N, C-alpha and C. Protein backbone atom coordinates (compact mmCIF):
# COMPACT_ATOMS: atom_id res chain seq x y z
N UNK A 1 120.54 118.83 100.13
CA UNK A 1 119.44 118.70 101.05
C UNK A 1 119.83 119.37 102.36
N UNK A 2 118.94 120.16 102.95
CA UNK A 2 119.27 120.92 104.14
C UNK A 2 119.71 120.07 105.32
N UNK A 3 119.24 118.85 105.45
CA UNK A 3 119.59 118.02 106.60
C UNK A 3 120.92 117.28 106.41
N UNK A 4 121.49 117.33 105.23
CA UNK A 4 122.73 116.62 104.94
C UNK A 4 123.94 117.42 105.41
N UNK A 5 124.95 116.72 105.86
CA UNK A 5 126.21 117.35 106.26
C UNK A 5 127.08 117.54 105.02
N UNK A 6 127.88 118.59 105.05
CA UNK A 6 128.82 118.83 103.96
C UNK A 6 129.98 117.85 104.02
N UNK A 7 130.71 117.77 102.94
CA UNK A 7 131.84 116.84 102.87
C UNK A 7 133.15 117.50 103.35
N UNK A 8 133.22 118.84 103.24
CA UNK A 8 134.43 119.56 103.65
C UNK A 8 134.26 120.15 105.05
N UNK A 9 133.14 120.83 105.27
CA UNK A 9 132.76 121.34 106.59
C UNK A 9 131.28 121.00 106.77
N UNK A 10 130.71 121.28 107.93
CA UNK A 10 129.29 120.91 108.11
C UNK A 10 128.34 121.47 107.04
N UNK A 11 128.70 122.59 106.41
CA UNK A 11 127.77 123.19 105.44
C UNK A 11 128.38 123.44 104.07
N UNK A 12 129.53 122.87 103.78
CA UNK A 12 130.15 123.13 102.48
C UNK A 12 130.74 121.86 101.86
N UNK A 13 130.76 121.89 100.56
CA UNK A 13 131.45 120.87 99.75
C UNK A 13 132.41 121.63 98.86
N UNK A 14 133.70 121.61 99.17
CA UNK A 14 134.68 122.21 98.28
C UNK A 14 135.51 121.10 97.67
N UNK A 15 136.04 121.37 96.49
CA UNK A 15 136.80 120.36 95.78
C UNK A 15 137.80 121.02 94.86
N UNK A 16 138.72 120.24 94.37
CA UNK A 16 139.65 120.69 93.35
C UNK A 16 139.61 119.67 92.22
N UNK A 17 140.04 120.09 91.05
CA UNK A 17 140.02 119.17 89.92
C UNK A 17 140.49 119.83 88.65
N UNK A 18 140.19 119.16 87.57
CA UNK A 18 140.60 119.67 86.27
C UNK A 18 139.65 119.14 85.19
N UNK A 19 139.63 119.84 84.06
CA UNK A 19 138.84 119.40 82.92
C UNK A 19 139.71 118.48 82.08
N UNK A 20 139.26 117.26 81.92
CA UNK A 20 139.99 116.26 81.14
C UNK A 20 139.69 116.40 79.65
N UNK A 21 138.46 116.84 79.35
CA UNK A 21 138.06 116.99 77.96
C UNK A 21 136.99 118.07 77.85
N UNK A 22 137.14 118.96 76.88
CA UNK A 22 136.15 119.99 76.59
C UNK A 22 135.88 120.00 75.09
N UNK A 23 134.66 119.67 74.73
CA UNK A 23 134.25 119.71 73.33
C UNK A 23 133.08 120.69 73.28
N UNK A 24 133.30 121.90 72.77
CA UNK A 24 132.26 122.93 72.80
C UNK A 24 130.90 122.43 72.30
N UNK A 25 129.88 122.73 73.09
CA UNK A 25 128.48 122.40 72.78
C UNK A 25 128.19 120.91 72.70
N UNK A 26 129.12 120.06 73.15
CA UNK A 26 128.91 118.62 73.05
C UNK A 26 129.23 117.86 74.34
N UNK A 27 130.43 118.08 74.91
CA UNK A 27 130.85 117.23 76.04
C UNK A 27 131.84 117.96 76.95
N UNK A 28 131.67 117.71 78.26
CA UNK A 28 132.60 118.19 79.28
C UNK A 28 132.93 116.99 80.17
N UNK A 29 134.22 116.71 80.33
CA UNK A 29 134.66 115.65 81.24
C UNK A 29 135.51 116.33 82.31
N UNK A 30 135.06 116.19 83.55
CA UNK A 30 135.72 116.84 84.68
C UNK A 30 136.12 115.78 85.70
N UNK A 31 137.34 115.91 86.23
CA UNK A 31 137.83 115.01 87.28
C UNK A 31 137.99 115.87 88.53
N UNK A 32 137.31 115.47 89.62
CA UNK A 32 137.37 116.26 90.85
C UNK A 32 137.61 115.36 92.05
N UNK A 33 138.02 116.00 93.15
CA UNK A 33 138.19 115.31 94.42
C UNK A 33 137.79 116.27 95.53
N UNK A 34 136.94 115.81 96.45
CA UNK A 34 136.53 116.64 97.57
C UNK A 34 137.73 116.98 98.44
N UNK A 35 137.73 118.18 99.00
CA UNK A 35 138.74 118.59 99.97
C UNK A 35 138.18 118.22 101.34
N UNK A 36 138.65 117.11 101.89
CA UNK A 36 138.08 116.57 103.12
C UNK A 36 139.11 115.74 103.86
N UNK A 37 138.89 115.61 105.16
CA UNK A 37 139.71 114.72 105.98
C UNK A 37 139.05 113.36 106.15
N UNK A 38 137.83 113.22 105.66
CA UNK A 38 137.07 111.98 105.81
C UNK A 38 137.48 110.99 104.72
N UNK A 39 138.12 109.87 105.08
CA UNK A 39 138.55 108.90 104.06
C UNK A 39 137.40 108.35 103.22
N UNK A 40 136.19 108.32 103.76
CA UNK A 40 135.04 107.81 103.01
C UNK A 40 134.61 108.76 101.90
N UNK A 41 135.10 110.01 101.93
CA UNK A 41 134.72 111.00 100.92
C UNK A 41 135.86 111.30 99.96
N UNK A 42 136.96 110.57 100.09
CA UNK A 42 138.13 110.83 99.24
C UNK A 42 138.12 109.99 97.97
N UNK A 43 138.89 110.45 97.01
CA UNK A 43 139.04 109.74 95.75
C UNK A 43 138.58 110.58 94.58
N UNK A 44 139.24 110.38 93.46
CA UNK A 44 138.87 111.12 92.25
C UNK A 44 137.56 110.59 91.68
N UNK A 45 136.72 111.54 91.28
CA UNK A 45 135.46 111.23 90.62
C UNK A 45 135.52 111.84 89.22
N UNK A 46 134.97 111.15 88.27
CA UNK A 46 134.90 111.68 86.91
C UNK A 46 133.43 111.87 86.54
N UNK A 47 133.13 113.08 86.07
CA UNK A 47 131.78 113.38 85.60
C UNK A 47 131.87 113.73 84.12
N UNK A 48 131.09 113.02 83.32
CA UNK A 48 131.02 113.28 81.89
C UNK A 48 129.64 113.83 81.59
N UNK A 49 129.58 115.04 81.07
CA UNK A 49 128.31 115.68 80.70
C UNK A 49 128.25 115.73 79.18
N UNK A 50 127.20 115.14 78.65
CA UNK A 50 126.97 115.14 77.20
C UNK A 50 125.77 116.05 76.91
N UNK A 51 125.89 116.89 75.88
CA UNK A 51 124.82 117.79 75.46
C UNK A 51 124.37 117.41 74.07
N UNK A 52 123.05 117.37 73.88
CA UNK A 52 122.50 117.00 72.59
C UNK A 52 121.29 117.88 72.32
N UNK A 53 121.24 118.52 71.16
CA UNK A 53 120.09 119.34 70.81
C UNK A 53 119.00 118.44 70.24
N UNK A 54 117.81 118.56 70.81
CA UNK A 54 116.64 117.80 70.35
C UNK A 54 115.46 118.75 70.27
N UNK A 55 114.93 118.95 69.07
CA UNK A 55 113.76 119.81 68.85
C UNK A 55 113.94 121.19 69.46
N UNK A 56 115.11 121.79 69.30
CA UNK A 56 115.35 123.14 69.78
C UNK A 56 115.65 123.24 71.27
N UNK A 57 115.71 122.12 71.96
CA UNK A 57 116.05 122.11 73.38
C UNK A 57 117.35 121.35 73.58
N UNK A 58 118.00 121.59 74.70
CA UNK A 58 119.24 120.89 75.01
C UNK A 58 118.96 119.76 75.98
N UNK A 59 119.32 118.56 75.58
CA UNK A 59 119.20 117.37 76.42
C UNK A 59 120.56 117.13 77.06
N UNK A 60 120.57 116.99 78.39
CA UNK A 60 121.82 116.82 79.12
C UNK A 60 121.83 115.44 79.76
N UNK A 61 122.93 114.72 79.58
CA UNK A 61 123.15 113.45 80.25
C UNK A 61 124.45 113.54 81.03
N UNK A 62 124.41 113.13 82.30
CA UNK A 62 125.61 113.17 83.14
C UNK A 62 125.92 111.77 83.64
N UNK A 63 127.15 111.33 83.44
CA UNK A 63 127.63 110.04 83.92
C UNK A 63 128.65 110.30 85.01
N UNK A 64 128.44 109.70 86.18
CA UNK A 64 129.34 109.87 87.31
C UNK A 64 130.06 108.56 87.56
N UNK A 65 131.38 108.62 87.57
CA UNK A 65 132.18 107.42 87.81
C UNK A 65 133.13 107.68 88.97
N UNK A 66 133.31 106.67 89.81
CA UNK A 66 134.26 106.76 90.90
C UNK A 66 133.77 107.51 92.12
N UNK A 67 132.45 107.50 92.37
CA UNK A 67 131.97 108.15 93.58
C UNK A 67 132.65 107.55 94.80
N UNK A 68 133.07 108.38 95.75
CA UNK A 68 133.67 107.83 96.97
C UNK A 68 132.65 106.98 97.72
N UNK A 69 133.10 106.03 98.53
CA UNK A 69 132.18 105.15 99.24
C UNK A 69 131.21 105.89 100.16
N UNK A 70 131.59 107.07 100.63
CA UNK A 70 130.73 107.83 101.52
C UNK A 70 129.65 108.63 100.82
N UNK A 71 129.64 108.63 99.50
CA UNK A 71 128.63 109.37 98.74
C UNK A 71 127.60 108.39 98.20
N UNK A 72 126.38 108.54 98.66
CA UNK A 72 125.29 107.70 98.19
C UNK A 72 124.94 108.07 96.75
N UNK A 73 124.85 107.09 95.85
CA UNK A 73 124.43 107.41 94.48
C UNK A 73 123.06 108.10 94.42
N UNK A 74 122.17 107.73 95.31
CA UNK A 74 120.84 108.35 95.34
C UNK A 74 120.96 109.82 95.75
N UNK A 75 121.76 110.10 96.79
CA UNK A 75 121.96 111.49 97.21
C UNK A 75 122.67 112.30 96.13
N UNK A 76 123.62 111.68 95.45
CA UNK A 76 124.33 112.35 94.36
C UNK A 76 123.35 112.73 93.25
N UNK A 77 122.48 111.80 92.88
CA UNK A 77 121.50 112.08 91.84
C UNK A 77 120.53 113.18 92.28
N UNK A 78 120.09 113.12 93.53
CA UNK A 78 119.19 114.14 94.06
C UNK A 78 119.84 115.52 94.00
N UNK A 79 121.09 115.61 94.40
CA UNK A 79 121.81 116.88 94.35
C UNK A 79 121.92 117.42 92.94
N UNK A 80 122.24 116.53 92.00
CA UNK A 80 122.34 116.96 90.60
C UNK A 80 120.99 117.42 90.06
N UNK A 81 119.94 116.69 90.38
CA UNK A 81 118.60 117.09 89.92
C UNK A 81 118.22 118.46 90.48
N UNK A 82 118.53 118.69 91.75
CA UNK A 82 118.23 119.99 92.36
C UNK A 82 119.02 121.10 91.66
N UNK A 83 120.31 120.88 91.43
CA UNK A 83 121.15 121.88 90.78
C UNK A 83 120.69 122.16 89.36
N UNK A 84 120.37 121.11 88.61
CA UNK A 84 119.91 121.30 87.23
C UNK A 84 118.55 121.99 87.19
N UNK A 85 117.71 121.71 88.17
CA UNK A 85 116.42 122.40 88.26
C UNK A 85 116.61 123.89 88.47
N UNK A 86 117.55 124.27 89.33
CA UNK A 86 117.85 125.68 89.56
C UNK A 86 118.43 126.32 88.31
N UNK A 87 119.30 125.60 87.61
CA UNK A 87 119.88 126.11 86.37
C UNK A 87 118.79 126.33 85.33
N UNK A 88 117.87 125.39 85.20
CA UNK A 88 116.78 125.52 84.22
C UNK A 88 115.93 126.75 84.52
N UNK A 89 115.62 126.99 85.79
CA UNK A 89 114.83 128.17 86.14
C UNK A 89 115.57 129.44 85.78
N UNK A 90 116.86 129.47 86.03
CA UNK A 90 117.67 130.64 85.71
C UNK A 90 117.69 130.89 84.20
N UNK A 91 117.94 129.84 83.43
CA UNK A 91 118.01 129.96 81.97
C UNK A 91 116.66 130.33 81.39
N UNK A 92 115.61 129.69 81.87
CA UNK A 92 114.27 129.95 81.33
C UNK A 92 113.76 131.33 81.70
N UNK A 93 114.28 131.93 82.79
CA UNK A 93 113.85 133.26 83.19
C UNK A 93 114.37 134.32 82.21
N UNK A 94 115.45 133.99 81.50
CA UNK A 94 116.01 134.94 80.54
C UNK A 94 115.40 134.70 79.21
């Protein structure tokens, strides 16, 4: 959201992490941590993305665990919905 501050700098969210599990066409488990000096934004987060084909389309489910206390679950969901909406437009344009 344009009015929101970034977690690393005023306009950026950078992070480091690793893939804990990769199952092609089925599941991605990623563990990340924001690069920040703000203690409210620190801590490892785990995101599990499950993919399921339904009627020729891909259904995506994302589970977020360990959000830092400074990250609102509502804002996190809004950000993911915005990102997935952009991804869908890109994929559907091709």
